[in-house]
Amino acid sequence: MHLLIAVLNAPDKLDVILAGFVELGVRGATVIHSEGMGRVLSHNIPIFAGLQTLINRSGPENRTILTVIDADLIEPVISLIQESCGDLEKPATGIIFTLPVDRVVGLATQDLGDTLE
């Protein structure tokens, strides 16, 4: 199992991504409204106001998605996110990373269809 964390600068793509997760078999995810460091610094600390040029390329807030998935889903999930949001190598697009998970308690083990009945 792995924890996949995706910080996306395109909150309008969230519905498409989550629908794709269901199609891929991702059993659940947590979505957090988030804000990048540059935006916070430029608004709260005047010396960093020069960051405004960089910030103008991104939206006012991000979405951070957290999901625990099997290793075989990592590449399909990353592909789905990049197809939805664009090339994450471009500035102000987002970032995805994974971390190994050695224990999970409370992860849904039933099919999504079972929970909808």
PDB file of N, CA and C in Angstrom:
ATOM      1  N   MET A   1       0.843  -1.180   0.000  1.00  0.00           N
ATOM      2  CA  MET A   1       0.000   0.000   0.000  1.00  0.00           C
ATOM      3  C   MET A   1       0.888   1.243   0.000  1.00  0.00           C
ATOM      4  N   HIS A   2       0.333   2.296  -0.598  1.00  0.00           N
ATOM      5  CA  HIS A   2       1.044   3.568  -0.670  1.00  0.00           C
ATOM      6  C   HIS A   2       0.074   4.711  -0.397  1.00  0.00           C
ATOM      7  N   LEU A   3       0.597   5.759   0.209  1.00  0.00           N
ATOM      8  CA  LEU A   3      -0.162   6.994   0.358  1.00  0.00           C
ATOM      9  C   LEU A   3       0.209   7.875  -0.814  1.00  0.00           C
ATOM     10  N   LEU A   4      -0.776   8.208  -1.638  1.00  0.00           N
ATOM     11  CA  LEU A   4      -0.560   9.123  -2.754  1.00  0.00           C
ATOM     12  C   LEU A   4      -1.086  10.485  -2.320  1.00  0.00           C
ATOM     13  N   ILE A   5      -0.237  11.488  -2.465  1.00  0.00           N
ATOM     14  CA  ILE A   5      -0.596  12.863  -2.134  1.00  0.00           C
ATOM     15  C   ILE A   5      -0.471  13.688  -3.407  1.00  0.00           C
ATOM     16  N   ALA A   6      -1.545  14.343  -3.767  1.00  0.00           N
ATOM     17  CA  ALA A   6      -1.554  15.193  -4.959  1.00  0.00           C
ATOM     18  C   ALA A   6      -2.023  16.582  -4.558  1.00  0.00           C
ATOM     19  N   VAL A   7      -1.176  17.578  -4.805  1.00  0.00           N
ATOM     20  CA  VAL A   7      -1.542  18.968  -4.572  1.00  0.00           C
ATOM     21  C   VAL A   7      -1.775  19.574  -5.945  1.00  0.00           C
ATOM     22  N   LEU A   8      -3.007  19.983  -6.208  1.00  0.00           N
ATOM     23  CA  LEU A   8      -3.398  20.419  -7.552  1.00  0.00           C
ATOM     24  C   LEU A   8      -3.785  21.889  -7.561  1.00  0.00           C
ATOM     25  N   ASN A   9      -3.289  22.602  -8.554  1.00  0.00           N
ATOM     26  CA  ASN A   9      -3.611  24.017  -8.705  1.00  0.00           C
ATOM     27  C   ASN A   9      -4.833  24.225  -9.591  1.00  0.00           C
ATOM     28  N   ALA A  10      -5.562  23.168  -9.885  1.00  0.00           N
ATOM     29  CA  ALA A  10      -6.746  23.258 -10.738  1.00  0.00           C
ATOM     30  C   ALA A  10      -7.941  22.645 -10.007  1.00  0.00           C
ATOM     31  N   PRO A  11      -8.494  23.366  -9.021  1.00  0.00           N
ATOM     32  CA  PRO A  11      -9.604  22.813  -8.256  1.00  0.00           C
ATOM     33  C   PRO A  11     -10.823  22.485  -9.109  1.00  0.00           C
ATOM     34  N   ASP A  12     -10.955  23.126 -10.259  1.00  0.00           N
ATOM     35  CA  ASP A  12     -12.088  22.865 -11.143  1.00  0.00           C
ATOM     36  C   ASP A  12     -12.018  21.477 -11.770  1.00  0.00           C
ATOM     37  N   LYS A  13     -10.889  20.808 -11.698  1.00  0.00           N
ATOM     38  CA  LYS A  13     -10.721  19.466 -12.261  1.00  0.00           C
ATOM     39  C   LYS A  13     -11.022  18.369 -11.242  1.00  0.00           C
ATOM     40  N   LEU A  14     -11.333  18.752 -10.020  1.00  0.00           N
ATOM     41  CA  LEU A  14     -11.498  17.786  -8.941  1.00  0.00           C
ATOM     42  C   LEU A  14     -12.585  16.749  -9.223  1.00  0.00           C
ATOM     43  N   ASP A  15     -13.741  17.174  -9.708  1.00  0.00           N
ATOM     44  CA  ASP A  15     -14.837  16.230  -9.963  1.00  0.00           C
ATOM     45  C   ASP A  15     -14.437  15.179 -10.993  1.00  0.00           C
ATOM     46  N   VAL A  16     -13.756  15.605 -12.045  1.00  0.00           N
ATOM     47  CA  VAL A  16     -13.309  14.672 -13.089  1.00  0.00           C
ATOM     48  C   VAL A  16     -12.315  13.676 -12.501  1.00  0.00           C
ATOM     49  N   ILE A  17     -11.405  14.161 -11.678  1.00  0.00           N
ATOM     50  CA  ILE A  17     -10.391  13.291 -11.080  1.00  0.00           C
ATOM     51  C   ILE A  17     -11.041  12.278 -10.141  1.00  0.00           C
ATOM     52  N   LEU A  18     -11.938  12.722  -9.278  1.00  0.00           N
ATOM     53  CA  LEU A  18     -12.567  11.806  -8.338  1.00  0.00           C
ATOM     54  C   LEU A  18     -13.445  10.778  -9.053  1.00  0.00           C
ATOM     55  N   ALA A  19     -14.126  11.189 -10.114  1.00  0.00           N
ATOM     56  CA  ALA A  19     -14.903  10.232 -10.909  1.00  0.00           C
ATOM     57  C   ALA A  19     -13.966   9.198 -11.542  1.00  0.00           C
ATOM     58  N   GLY A  20     -12.808   9.650 -12.010  1.00  0.00           N
ATOM     59  CA  GLY A  20     -11.811   8.735 -12.555  1.00  0.00           C
ATOM     60  C   GLY A  20     -11.271   7.779 -11.509  1.00  0.00           C
ATOM     61  N   PHE A  21     -11.112   8.266 -10.280  1.00  0.00           N
ATOM     62  CA  PHE A  21     -10.668   7.390  -9.184  1.00  0.00           C
ATOM     63  C   PHE A  21     -11.642   6.226  -9.026  1.00  0.00           C
ATOM     64  N   VAL A  22     -12.939   6.519  -9.044  1.00  0.00           N
ATOM     65  CA  VAL A  22     -13.951   5.473  -8.888  1.00  0.00           C
ATOM     66  C   VAL A  22     -13.815   4.456 -10.016  1.00  0.00           C
ATOM     67  N   GLU A  23     -13.650   4.933 -11.238  1.00  0.00           N
ATOM     68  CA  GLU A  23     -13.503   4.037 -12.381  1.00  0.00           C
ATOM     69  C   GLU A  23     -12.260   3.161 -12.267  1.00  0.00           C
ATOM     70  N   LEU A  24     -11.204   3.706 -11.672  1.00  0.00           N
ATOM     71  CA  LEU A  24      -9.961   2.949 -11.514  1.00  0.00           C
ATOM     72  C   LEU A  24     -10.002   1.986 -10.324  1.00  0.00           C
ATOM     73  N   GLY A  25     -10.985   2.142  -9.452  1.00  0.00           N
ATOM     74  CA  GLY A  25     -11.086   1.267  -8.293  1.00  0.00           C
ATOM     75  C   GLY A  25     -10.498   1.846  -7.017  1.00  0.00           C
ATOM     76  N   VAL A  26     -10.217   3.148  -7.020  1.00  0.00           N
ATOM     77  CA  VAL A  26      -9.763   3.794  -5.793  1.00  0.00           C
ATOM     78  C   VAL A  26     -10.962   3.844  -4.848  1.00  0.00           C
ATOM     79  N   ARG A  27     -10.799   3.314  -3.651  1.00  0.00           N
ATOM     80  CA  ARG A  27     -11.928   3.144  -2.739  1.00  0.00           C
ATOM     81  C   ARG A  27     -12.269   4.381  -1.916  1.00  0.00           C
ATOM     82  N   GLY A  28     -11.378   5.319  -1.847  1.00  0.00           N
ATOM     83  CA  GLY A  28     -11.673   6.523  -1.084  1.00  0.00           C
ATOM     84  C   GLY A  28     -10.518   7.504  -1.157  1.00  0.00           C
ATOM     85  N   ALA A  29     -10.818   8.741  -0.868  1.00  0.00           N
ATOM     86  CA  ALA A  29      -9.803   9.790  -0.858  1.00  0.00           C
ATOM     87  C   ALA A  29     -10.299  10.909   0.050  1.00  0.00           C
ATOM     88  N   THR A  30      -9.366  11.636   0.591  1.00  0.00           N
ATOM     89  CA  THR A  30      -9.685  12.815   1.378  1.00  0.00           C
ATOM     90  C   THR A  30      -9.220  14.033   0.588  1.00  0.00           C
ATOM     91  N   VAL A  31     -10.075  15.035   0.501  1.00  0.00           N
ATOM     92  CA  VAL A  31      -9.752  16.258  -0.232  1.00  0.00           C
ATOM     93  C   VAL A  31      -9.684  17.403   0.768  1.00  0.00           C
ATOM     94  N   ILE A  32      -8.575  18.126   0.710  1.00  0.00           N
ATOM     95  CA  ILE A  32      -8.357  19.251   1.607  1.00  0.00           C
ATOM     96  C   ILE A  32      -8.186  20.519   0.781  1.00  0.00           C
ATOM     97  N   HIS A  33      -8.868  21.574   1.162  1.00  0.00           N
ATOM     98  CA  HIS A  33      -8.646  22.874   0.541  1.00  0.00           C
ATOM     99  C   HIS A  33      -7.318  23.376   1.093  1.00  0.00           C
ATOM    100  N   SER A  34      -6.417  23.772   0.211  1.00  0.00           N
ATOM    101  CA  SER A  34      -5.084  24.174   0.659  1.00  0.00           C
ATOM    102  C   SER A  34      -4.626  25.418  -0.090  1.00  0.00           C
ATOM    103  N   GLU A  35      -3.560  26.001   0.424  1.00  0.00           N
ATOM    104  CA  GLU A  35      -3.010  27.217  -0.156  1.00  0.00           C
ATOM    105  C   GLU A  35      -1.497  27.094  -0.156  1.00  0.00           C
ATOM    106  N   GLY A  36      -0.866  27.495  -1.241  1.00  0.00           N
ATOM    107  CA  GLY A  36       0.575  27.377  -1.367  1.00  0.00           C
ATOM    108  C   GLY A  36       1.346  28.370  -0.513  1.00  0.00           C
ATOM    109  N   MET A  37       2.569  28.024  -0.202  1.00  0.00           N
ATOM    110  CA  MET A  37       3.435  28.845   0.630  1.00  0.00           C
ATOM    111  C   MET A  37       3.649  30.232   0.041  1.00  0.00           C
ATOM    112  N   GLY A  38       3.869  30.307  -1.251  1.00  0.00           N
ATOM    113  CA  GLY A  38       4.111  31.599  -1.887  1.00  0.00           C
ATOM    114  C   GLY A  38       2.955  32.551  -1.712  1.00  0.00           C
ATOM    115  N   ARG A  39       1.745  32.056  -1.857  1.00  0.00           N
ATOM    116  CA  ARG A  39       0.564  32.901  -1.702  1.00  0.00           C
ATOM    117  C   ARG A  39       0.442  33.393  -0.260  1.00  0.00           C
ATOM    118  N   VAL A  40       0.659  32.510   0.692  1.00  0.00           N
ATOM    119  CA  VAL A  40       0.565  32.901   2.097  1.00  0.00           C
ATOM    120  C   VAL A  40       1.614  33.955   2.423  1.00  0.00           C
ATOM    121  N   LEU A  41       2.845  33.710   1.995  1.00  0.00           N
ATOM    122  CA  LEU A  41       3.923  34.657   2.291  1.00  0.00           C
ATOM    123  C   LEU A  41       3.682  36.009   1.636  1.00  0.00           C
ATOM    124  N   SER A  42       3.213  36.008   0.405  1.00  0.00           N
ATOM    125  CA  SER A  42       3.028  37.279  -0.295  1.00  0.00           C
ATOM    126  C   SER A  42       1.921  38.118   0.324  1.00  0.00           C
ATOM    127  N   HIS A  43       0.946  37.486   0.944  1.00  0.00           N
ATOM    128  CA  HIS A  43      -0.146  38.229   1.570  1.00  0.00           C
ATOM    129  C   HIS A  43       0.153  38.628   3.008  1.00  0.00           C
ATOM    130  N   ASN A  44       0.948  37.842   3.701  1.00  0.00           N
ATOM    131  CA  ASN A  44       1.147  38.067   5.132  1.00  0.00           C
ATOM    132  C   ASN A  44       2.471  38.720   5.492  1.00  0.00           C
ATOM    133  N   ILE A  45       3.457  38.641   4.615  1.00  0.00           N
ATOM    134  CA  ILE A  45       4.768  39.205   4.920  1.00  0.00           C
ATOM    135  C   ILE A  45       5.182  40.097   3.752  1.00  0.00           C
ATOM    136  N   PRO A  46       5.166  41.406   3.927  1.00  0.00           N
ATOM    137  CA  PRO A  46       5.397  42.354   2.821  1.00  0.00           C
ATOM    138  C   PRO A  46       6.697  42.124   2.050  1.00  0.00           C
ATOM    139  N   ILE A  47       7.732  41.652   2.697  1.00  0.00           N
ATOM    140  CA  ILE A  47       9.009  41.469   2.006  1.00  0.00           C
ATOM    141  C   ILE A  47       8.896  40.431   0.879  1.00  0.00           C
ATOM    142  N   PHE A  48       7.900  39.560   0.970  1.00  0.00           N
ATOM    143  CA  PHE A  48       7.720  38.528  -0.044  1.00  0.00           C
ATOM    144  C   PHE A  48       6.703  38.927  -1.112  1.00  0.00           C
ATOM    145  N   ALA A  49       6.303  40.165  -1.150  1.00  0.00           N
ATOM    146  CA  ALA A  49       5.300  40.616  -2.124  1.00  0.00           C
ATOM    147  C   ALA A  49       5.779  40.411  -3.552  1.00  0.00           C
ATOM    148  N   GLY A  50       7.090  40.356  -3.775  1.00  0.00           N
ATOM    149  CA  GLY A  50       7.628  40.101  -5.112  1.00  0.00           C
ATOM    150  C   GLY A  50       7.260  38.744  -5.654  1.00  0.00           C
ATOM    151  N   LEU A  51       6.783  37.863  -4.809  1.00  0.00           N
ATOM    152  CA  LEU A  51       6.348  36.536  -5.261  1.00  0.00           C
ATOM    153  C   LEU A  51       5.053  36.608  -6.065  1.00  0.00           C
ATOM    154  N   GLN A  52       4.427  37.774  -6.102  1.00  0.00           N
ATOM    155  CA  GLN A  52       3.129  37.912  -6.768  1.00  0.00           C
ATOM    156  C   GLN A  52       3.173  37.479  -8.226  1.00  0.00           C
ATOM    157  N   THR A  53       4.293  37.716  -8.917  1.00  0.00           N
ATOM    158  CA  THR A  53       4.409  37.297 -10.317  1.00  0.00           C
ATOM    159  C   THR A  53       4.261  35.791 -10.447  1.00  0.00           C
ATOM    160  N   LEU A  54       4.928  35.045  -9.579  1.00  0.00           N
ATOM    161  CA  LEU A  54       4.824  33.587  -9.590  1.00  0.00           C
ATOM    162  C   LEU A  54       3.407  33.147  -9.235  1.00  0.00           C
ATOM    163  N   ILE A  55       2.826  33.809  -8.275  1.00  0.00           N
ATOM    164  CA  ILE A  55       1.509  33.420  -7.789  1.00  0.00           C
ATOM    165  C   ILE A  55       0.422  33.679  -8.826  1.00  0.00           C
ATOM    166  N   ASN A  56       0.589  34.695  -9.633  1.00  0.00           N
ATOM    167  CA  ASN A  56      -0.426  35.007 -10.637  1.00  0.00           C
ATOM    168  C   ASN A  56      -0.633  33.873 -11.624  1.00  0.00           C
ATOM    169  N   ARG A  57       0.333  32.955 -11.713  1.00  0.00           N
ATOM    170  CA  ARG A  57       0.187  31.810 -12.617  1.00  0.00           C
ATOM    171  C   ARG A  57      -0.631  30.697 -12.002  1.00  0.00           C
ATOM    172  N   SER A  58      -0.938  30.775 -10.729  1.00  0.00           N
ATOM    173  CA  SER A  58      -1.728  29.740 -10.076  1.00  0.00           C
ATOM    174  C   SER A  58      -2.994  30.340  -9.493  1.00  0.00           C
ATOM    175  N   GLY A  59      -3.938  29.477  -9.168  1.00  0.00           N
ATOM    176  CA  GLY A  59      -5.194  29.934  -8.607  1.00  0.00           C
ATOM    177  C   GLY A  59      -5.044  30.327  -7.149  1.00  0.00           C
ATOM    178  N   PRO A  60      -6.096  30.911  -6.576  1.00  0.00           N
ATOM    179  CA  PRO A  60      -6.018  31.367  -5.196  1.00  0.00           C
ATOM    180  C   PRO A  60      -5.952  30.232  -4.179  1.00  0.00           C
ATOM    181  N   GLU A  61      -6.440  29.066  -4.540  1.00  0.00           N
ATOM    182  CA  GLU A  61      -6.341  27.940  -3.630  1.00  0.00           C
ATOM    183  C   GLU A  61      -6.133  26.649  -4.412  1.00  0.00           C
ATOM    184  N   ASN A  62      -5.646  25.662  -3.697  1.00  0.00           N
ATOM    185  CA  ASN A  62      -5.358  24.352  -4.287  1.00  0.00           C
ATOM    186  C   ASN A  62      -6.294  23.323  -3.683  1.00  0.00           C
ATOM    187  N   ARG A  63      -6.214  22.144  -4.204  1.00  0.00           N
ATOM    188  CA  ARG A  63      -6.863  20.984  -3.600  1.00  0.00           C
ATOM    189  C   ARG A  63      -5.770  19.957  -3.356  1.00  0.00           C
ATOM    190  N   THR A  64      -5.740  19.432  -2.143  1.00  0.00           N
ATOM    191  CA  THR A  64      -4.805  18.363  -1.810  1.00  0.00           C
ATOM    192  C   THR A  64      -5.620  17.089  -1.643  1.00  0.00           C
ATOM    193  N   ILE A  65      -5.248  16.069  -2.406  1.00  0.00           N
ATOM    194  CA  ILE A  65      -5.934  14.786  -2.364  1.00  0.00           C
ATOM    195  C   ILE A  65      -5.013  13.788  -1.680  1.00  0.00           C
ATOM    196  N   LEU A  66      -5.548  13.076  -0.690  1.00  0.00           N
ATOM    197  CA  LEU A  66      -4.827  12.014   0.000  1.00  0.00           C
ATOM    198  C   LEU A  66      -5.584  10.710  -0.227  1.00  0.00           C
ATOM    199  N   THR A  67      -4.889   9.679  -0.670  1.00  0.00           N
ATOM    200  CA  THR A  67      -5.532   8.387  -0.841  1.00  0.00           C
ATOM    201  C   THR A  67      -4.525   7.269  -0.614  1.00  0.00           C
ATOM    202  N   VAL A  68      -4.974   6.205   0.017  1.00  0.00           N
ATOM    203  CA  VAL A  68      -4.147   5.014   0.220  1.00  0.00           C
ATOM    204  C   VAL A  68      -4.550   4.010  -0.851  1.00  0.00           C
ATOM    205  N   ILE A  69      -3.567   3.625  -1.682  1.00  0.00           N
ATOM    206  CA  ILE A  69      -3.854   2.744  -2.813  1.00  0.00           C
ATOM    207  C   ILE A  69      -2.802   1.645  -2.920  1.00  0.00           C
ATOM    208  N   ASP A  70      -3.158   0.585  -3.648  1.00  0.00           N
ATOM    209  CA  ASP A  70      -2.205  -0.478  -3.963  1.00  0.00           C
ATOM    210  C   ASP A  70      -1.195   0.037  -4.975  1.00  0.00           C
ATOM    211  N   ALA A  71      -0.024  -0.560  -4.978  1.00  0.00           N
ATOM    212  CA  ALA A  71       1.062  -0.137  -5.865  1.00  0.00           C
ATOM    213  C   ALA A  71       0.647  -0.169  -7.332  1.00  0.00           C
ATOM    214  N   ASP A  72      -0.194  -1.123  -7.719  1.00  0.00           N
ATOM    215  CA  ASP A  72      -0.586  -1.231  -9.127  1.00  0.00           C
ATOM    216  C   ASP A  72      -1.488  -0.089  -9.589  1.00  0.00           C
ATOM    217  N   LEU A  73      -2.009   0.712  -8.665  1.00  0.00           N
ATOM    218  CA  LEU A  73      -2.847   1.845  -9.049  1.00  0.00           C
ATOM    219  C   LEU A  73      -2.078   3.156  -9.152  1.00  0.00           C
ATOM    220  N   ILE A  74      -0.827   3.176  -8.702  1.00  0.00           N
ATOM    221  CA  ILE A  74      -0.083   4.436  -8.683  1.00  0.00           C
ATOM    222  C   ILE A  74       0.023   5.051 -10.074  1.00  0.00           C
ATOM    223  N   GLU A  75       0.517   4.316 -11.040  1.00  0.00           N
ATOM    224  CA  GLU A  75       0.696   4.885 -12.385  1.00  0.00           C
ATOM    225  C   GLU A  75      -0.622   5.272 -13.040  1.00  0.00           C
ATOM    226  N   PRO A  76      -1.673   4.422 -12.977  1.00  0.00           N
ATOM    227  CA  PRO A  76      -2.950   4.863 -13.560  1.00  0.00           C
ATOM    228  C   PRO A  76      -3.510   6.122 -12.906  1.00  0.00           C
ATOM    229  N   VAL A  77      -3.370   6.250 -11.594  1.00  0.00           N
ATOM    230  CA  VAL A  77      -3.884   7.437 -10.899  1.00  0.00           C
ATOM    231  C   VAL A  77      -3.091   8.675 -11.320  1.00  0.00           C
ATOM    232  N   ILE A  78      -1.764   8.552 -11.372  1.00  0.00           N
ATOM    233  CA  ILE A  78      -0.947   9.694 -11.802  1.00  0.00           C
ATOM    234  C   ILE A  78      -1.271  10.080 -13.239  1.00  0.00           C
ATOM    235  N   SER A  79      -1.439   9.102 -14.107  1.00  0.00           N
ATOM    236  CA  SER A  79      -1.804   9.389 -15.507  1.00  0.00           C
ATOM    237  C   SER A  79      -3.141  10.123 -15.585  1.00  0.00           C
ATOM    238  N   LEU A  80      -4.118   9.661 -14.814  1.00  0.00           N
ATOM    239  CA  LEU A  80      -5.431  10.310 -14.785  1.00  0.00           C
ATOM    240  C   LEU A  80      -5.308  11.770 -14.352  1.00  0.00           C
ATOM    241  N   ILE A  81      -4.553  12.027 -13.307  1.00  0.00           N
ATOM    242  CA  ILE A  81      -4.400  13.391 -12.807  1.00  0.00           C
ATOM    243  C   ILE A  81      -3.711  14.266 -13.856  1.00  0.00           C
ATOM    244  N   GLN A  82      -2.664  13.743 -14.480  1.00  0.00           N
ATOM    245  CA  GLN A  82      -1.954  14.543 -15.487  1.00  0.00           C
ATOM    246  C   GLN A  82      -2.809  14.770 -16.731  1.00  0.00           C
ATOM    247  N   GLU A  83      -3.625  13.794 -17.114  1.00  0.00           N
ATOM    248  CA  GLU A  83      -4.525  13.996 -18.249  1.00  0.00           C
ATOM    249  C   GLU A  83      -5.549  15.083 -17.925  1.00  0.00           C
ATOM    250  N   SER A  84      -5.954  15.163 -16.667  1.00  0.00           N
ATOM    251  CA  SER A  84      -6.961  16.141 -16.258  1.00  0.00           C
ATOM    252  C   SER A  84      -6.380  17.534 -16.046  1.00  0.00           C
ATOM    253  N   CYS A  85      -5.191  17.607 -15.455  1.00  0.00           N
ATOM    254  CA  CYS A  85      -4.622  18.903 -15.043  1.00  0.00           C
ATOM    255  C   CYS A  85      -3.525  19.412 -15.957  1.00  0.00           C
ATOM    256  N   GLY A  86      -2.988  18.566 -16.807  1.00  0.00           N
ATOM    257  CA  GLY A  86      -1.874  18.963 -17.652  1.00  0.00           C
ATOM    258  C   GLY A  86      -0.556  18.480 -17.079  1.00  0.00           C
ATOM    259  N   ASP A  87       0.502  18.795 -17.764  1.00  0.00           N
ATOM    260  CA  ASP A  87       1.844  18.355 -17.411  1.00  0.00           C
ATOM    261  C   ASP A  87       2.278  18.982 -16.087  1.00  0.00           C
ATOM    262  N   LEU A  88       2.476  18.159 -15.085  1.00  0.00           N
ATOM    263  CA  LEU A  88       2.853  18.667 -13.765  1.00  0.00           C
ATOM    264  C   LEU A  88       4.297  19.163 -13.721  1.00  0.00           C
ATOM    265  N   GLU A  89       5.039  18.966 -14.791  1.00  0.00           N
ATOM    266  CA  GLU A  89       6.396  19.518 -14.852  1.00  0.00           C
ATOM    267  C   GLU A  89       6.366  21.028 -15.100  1.00  0.00           C
ATOM    268  N   LYS A  90       5.229  21.543 -15.562  1.00  0.00           N
ATOM    269  CA  LYS A  90       5.095  22.988 -15.790  1.00  0.00           C
ATOM    270  C   LYS A  90       4.870  23.694 -14.456  1.00  0.00           C
ATOM    271  N   PRO A  91       5.382  24.909 -14.307  1.00  0.00           N
ATOM    272  CA  PRO A  91       5.208  25.647 -13.048  1.00  0.00           C
ATOM    273  C   PRO A  91       3.744  25.900 -12.717  1.00  0.00           C
ATOM    274  N   ALA A  92       3.460  25.959 -11.436  1.00  0.00           N
ATOM    275  CA  ALA A  92       2.129  26.301 -10.911  1.00  0.00           C
ATOM    276  C   ALA A  92       1.039  25.352 -11.385  1.00  0.00           C
ATOM    277  N   THR A  93       1.390  24.073 -11.565  1.00  0.00           N
ATOM    278  CA  THR A  93       0.411  23.075 -11.979  1.00  0.00           C
ATOM    279  C   THR A  93       0.040  22.159 -10.821  1.00  0.00           C
ATOM    280  N   GLY A  94       1.037  21.674 -10.112  1.00  0.00           N
ATOM    281  CA  GLY A  94       0.792  20.793  -8.980  1.00  0.00           C
ATOM    282  C   GLY A  94       1.961  19.868  -8.746  1.00  0.00           C
ATOM    283  N   ILE A  95       1.773  18.978  -7.792  1.00  0.00           N
ATOM    284  CA  ILE A  95       2.793  17.993  -7.446  1.00  0.00           C
ATOM    285  C   ILE A  95       2.098  16.730  -6.956  1.00  0.00           C
ATOM    286  N   ILE A  96       2.685  15.592  -7.282  1.00  0.00           N
ATOM    287  CA  ILE A  96       2.189  14.301  -6.798  1.00  0.00           C
ATOM    288  C   ILE A  96       3.381  13.545  -6.235  1.00  0.00           C
ATOM    289  N   PHE A  97       3.180  12.921  -5.088  1.00  0.00           N
ATOM    290  CA  PHE A  97       4.209  12.030  -4.571  1.00  0.00           C
ATOM    291  C   PHE A  97       3.551  10.906  -3.784  1.00  0.00           C
ATOM    292  N   THR A  98       4.297   9.828  -3.591  1.00  0.00           N
ATOM    293  CA  THR A  98       3.786   8.688  -2.842  1.00  0.00           C
ATOM    294  C   THR A  98       4.749   8.340  -1.716  1.00  0.00           C
ATOM    295  N   LEU A  99       4.186   7.731  -0.702  1.00  0.00           N
ATOM    296  CA  LEU A  99       4.955   7.248   0.438  1.00  0.00           C
ATOM    297  C   LEU A  99       4.511   5.819   0.744  1.00  0.00           C
ATOM    298  N   PRO A 100       5.442   4.941   1.087  1.00  0.00           N
ATOM    299  CA  PRO A 100       5.029   3.583   1.457  1.00  0.00           C
ATOM    300  C   PRO A 100       4.241   3.608   2.765  1.00  0.00           C
ATOM    301  N   VAL A 101       3.253   2.736   2.856  1.00  0.00           N
ATOM    302  CA  VAL A 101       2.428   2.616   4.050  1.00  0.00           C
ATOM    303  C   VAL A 101       2.580   1.193   4.567  1.00  0.00           C
ATOM    304  N   ASP A 102       3.004   1.039   5.817  1.00  0.00           N
ATOM    305  CA  ASP A 102       3.209  -0.320   6.323  1.00  0.00           C
ATOM    306  C   ASP A 102       2.034  -0.845   7.131  1.00  0.00           C
ATOM    307  N   ARG A 103       1.082   0.030   7.455  1.00  0.00           N
ATOM    308  CA  ARG A 103      -0.092  -0.440   8.187  1.00  0.00           C
ATOM    309  C   ARG A 103      -1.267   0.487   7.915  1.00  0.00           C
ATOM    310  N   VAL A 104      -2.434  -0.117   7.725  1.00  0.00           N
ATOM    311  CA  VAL A 104      -3.660   0.653   7.514  1.00  0.00           C
ATOM    312  C   VAL A 104      -4.754   0.041   8.372  1.00  0.00           C
ATOM    313  N   VAL A 105      -5.445   0.868   9.105  1.00  0.00           N
ATOM    314  CA  VAL A 105      -6.587   0.427   9.895  1.00  0.00           C
ATOM    315  C   VAL A 105      -7.781   1.252   9.435  1.00  0.00           C
ATOM    316  N   GLY A 106      -8.855   0.578   9.053  1.00  0.00           N
ATOM    317  CA  GLY A 106     -10.064   1.288   8.681  1.00  0.00           C
ATOM    318  C   GLY A 106     -10.255   1.523   7.197  1.00  0.00           C
ATOM    319  N   LEU A 107      -9.385   0.976   6.365  1.00  0.00           N
ATOM    320  CA  LEU A 107      -9.542   1.135   4.920  1.00  0.00           C
ATOM    321  C   LEU A 107     -10.686   0.260   4.440  1.00  0.00           C
ATOM    322  N   ALA A 108     -11.578   0.817   3.632  1.00  0.00           N
ATOM    323  CA  ALA A 108     -12.701   0.055   3.092  1.00  0.00           C
ATOM    324  C   ALA A 108     -12.197  -1.154   2.337  1.00  0.00           C
ATOM    325  N   THR A 109     -12.788  -2.305   2.618  1.00  0.00           N
ATOM    326  CA  THR A 109     -12.388  -3.528   1.913  1.00  0.00           C
ATOM    327  C   THR A 109     -13.481  -4.036   0.995  1.00  0.00           C
ATOM    328  N   GLN A 110     -14.632  -3.424   1.031  1.00  0.00           N
ATOM    329  CA  GLN A 110     -15.725  -3.882   0.176  1.00  0.00           C
ATOM    330  C   GLN A 110     -15.749  -3.079  -1.116  1.00  0.00           C
ATOM    331  N   ASP A 111     -16.403  -3.632  -2.136  1.00  0.00           N
ATOM    332  CA  ASP A 111     -16.547  -2.935  -3.395  1.00  0.00           C
ATOM    333  C   ASP A 111     -17.424  -1.702  -3.200  1.00  0.00           C
ATOM    334  N   LEU A 112     -17.152  -0.657  -3.983  1.00  0.00           N
ATOM    335  CA  LEU A 112     -17.951   0.566  -3.881  1.00  0.00           C
ATOM    336  C   LEU A 112     -19.424   0.296  -4.156  1.00  0.00           C
ATOM    337  N   GLY A 113     -19.701  -0.628  -5.046  1.00  0.00           N
ATOM    338  CA  GLY A 113     -21.083  -0.953  -5.361  1.00  0.00           C
ATOM    339  C   GLY A 113     -21.838  -1.452  -4.152  1.00  0.00           C
ATOM    340  N   ASP A 114     -21.162  -2.174  -3.273  1.00  0.00           N
ATOM    341  CA  ASP A 114     -21.795  -2.677  -2.064  1.00  0.00           C
ATOM    342  C   ASP A 114     -22.202  -1.567  -1.117  1.00  0.00           C
ATOM    343  N   THR A 115     -21.442  -0.486  -1.100  1.00  0.00           N
ATOM    344  CA  THR A 115     -21.735   0.607  -0.175  1.00  0.00           C
ATOM    345  C   THR A 115     -22.875   1.486  -0.677  1.00  0.00           C
ATOM    346  N   LEU A 116     -23.196   1.383  -1.965  1.00  0.00           N
ATOM    347  CA  LEU A 116     -24.251   2.216  -2.530  1.00  0.00           C
ATOM    348  C   LEU A 116     -25.632   1.586  -2.412  1.00  0.00           C
ATOM    349  N   GLU A 117     -25.710   0.353  -1.977  1.00  0.00           N
ATOM    350  CA  GLU A 117     -27.011  -0.342  -1.878  1.00  0.00           C
ATOM    351  C   GLU A 117     -27.755   0.028  -0.629  1.00  0.00           C
TER     352      GLU A 117
END
